[in-house]
Protein backbone atom coordinates (compact mmCIF):
# COMPACT_ATOMS: atom_id res chain seq x y z
CA MET A 1 7.55 -11.05 10.94
CA LEU A 2 9.01 -7.76 9.87
CA ARG A 3 10.86 -7.93 6.56
CA GLY A 4 14.26 -9.47 7.20
CA ARG A 5 13.67 -9.58 10.94
CA THR A 6 12.56 -12.32 13.26
CA LEU A 7 11.95 -12.33 16.99
CA ALA A 8 15.53 -13.49 17.48
CA THR A 9 16.91 -10.42 15.67
CA SER A 10 14.44 -7.90 17.09
CA PRO A 11 16.01 -5.28 19.35
CA ASN A 12 13.12 -5.96 21.76
CA GLN A 13 13.62 -9.72 22.01
CA ALA A 14 14.15 -9.58 25.79
CA ASP A 15 10.68 -8.08 26.30
CA PRO A 16 8.06 -10.67 25.30
CA LEU A 17 5.21 -8.15 25.69
CA THR A 18 6.62 -5.71 23.13
CA VAL A 19 4.69 -5.70 19.86
CA GLU A 20 6.60 -4.93 16.68
CA VAL A 21 4.57 -2.35 14.73
CA ALA A 22 4.69 -2.81 10.99
CA SER A 23 4.50 0.26 8.77
CA PHE A 24 5.09 1.58 5.27
CA SER A 25 8.57 3.09 5.00
CA LEU A 26 7.71 4.80 1.68
CA LYS A 27 4.37 6.48 1.04
CA SER A 28 3.91 8.74 -1.96
CA ILE A 29 1.22 9.69 -4.47
CA ARG A 30 1.71 11.38 -7.86
CA GLN A 31 -0.58 12.45 -10.66
CA SER A 32 0.14 12.36 -14.37
CA THR A 33 -1.22 15.87 -14.99
CA PRO A 34 -2.48 18.84 -12.97
CA VAL A 35 -4.75 19.93 -15.86
CA SER A 36 -8.42 20.12 -14.90
CA GLY A 37 -10.69 17.91 -17.01
CA ALA A 38 -7.82 15.88 -18.48
CA THR A 39 -7.39 12.15 -17.99
CA ASN A 40 -5.24 11.77 -14.90
CA THR A 41 -3.45 8.67 -13.64
CA LEU A 42 -2.66 8.50 -9.95
CA THR A 43 0.44 6.57 -8.95
CA VAL A 44 0.62 5.46 -5.33
CA SER A 45 3.91 4.02 -4.13
CA LEU A 46 4.13 2.03 -0.91
CA THR A 47 7.04 0.07 0.50
CA ALA A 48 6.19 -2.14 3.46
CA ASP A 49 8.76 -2.93 6.13
CA PHE A 50 7.00 -6.26 6.61
CA ASP A 51 5.94 -9.18 4.46
CA LEU A 52 2.33 -8.89 3.29
CA ALA A 53 0.53 -12.21 3.58
CA ALA A 54 -1.06 -13.75 0.50
CA GLY A 55 -4.54 -12.32 0.01
CA SER A 56 -3.73 -9.08 1.85
CA LYS A 57 -5.69 -5.95 0.95
CA VAL A 58 -4.40 -2.40 0.99
CA THR A 59 -7.02 0.31 1.49
CA ILE A 60 -6.36 3.89 0.44
CA THR A 61 -8.96 6.40 1.61
CA GLY A 62 -9.55 10.11 1.28
CA LEU A 63 -9.28 10.41 -2.51
CA THR A 64 -12.24 12.70 -3.10
CA GLY A 65 -13.40 14.98 -5.87
CA SER A 66 -12.81 12.60 -8.76
CA GLN A 67 -15.26 12.39 -11.63
CA THR A 68 -14.50 8.67 -11.89
CA ALA A 69 -17.51 6.66 -10.78
CA ASP A 70 -17.11 3.97 -8.13
CA SER A 71 -16.47 0.69 -9.85
CA ALA A 72 -15.16 -2.76 -8.98
CA SER A 73 -13.07 -2.71 -12.14
CA LEU A 74 -10.59 0.13 -11.66
CA THR A 75 -7.21 -0.96 -13.03
CA VAL A 76 -4.56 -1.61 -10.40
CA SER A 77 -1.01 -2.79 -10.83
CA SER A 78 1.39 -3.98 -8.17
CA THR A 79 4.68 -5.82 -8.06
CA SER A 80 3.99 -9.23 -9.59
CA ASP A 81 0.27 -8.37 -9.29
CA LEU A 82 0.45 -9.47 -5.65
CA LEU A 83 -2.41 -7.11 -4.76
CA GLY A 84 -4.56 -8.14 -7.72
CA THR A 85 -5.29 -6.24 -10.92
CA SER A 86 -8.46 -4.33 -10.07
CA GLY A 87 -9.78 -2.22 -7.24
CA THR A 88 -12.95 -0.50 -6.14
């Protein structure tokens, strides 16, 4: 179900073979500093136009060139910690 929408309120309700495609309506990434060698915090903002199910995972790829080693304990925060508190 798309956020706030059900099959009955979908504009495509008359076509049972139409698939509603969920997406992120807001996608942005910011850094705390552009200074090379300084500690830098990346802030990724996503707003889904659908309800994420419990246990959902969000994967962000393509962040290369960091000196931060891969780790299963990178700090993550999300609204009400719905996506957990750590990432890899």
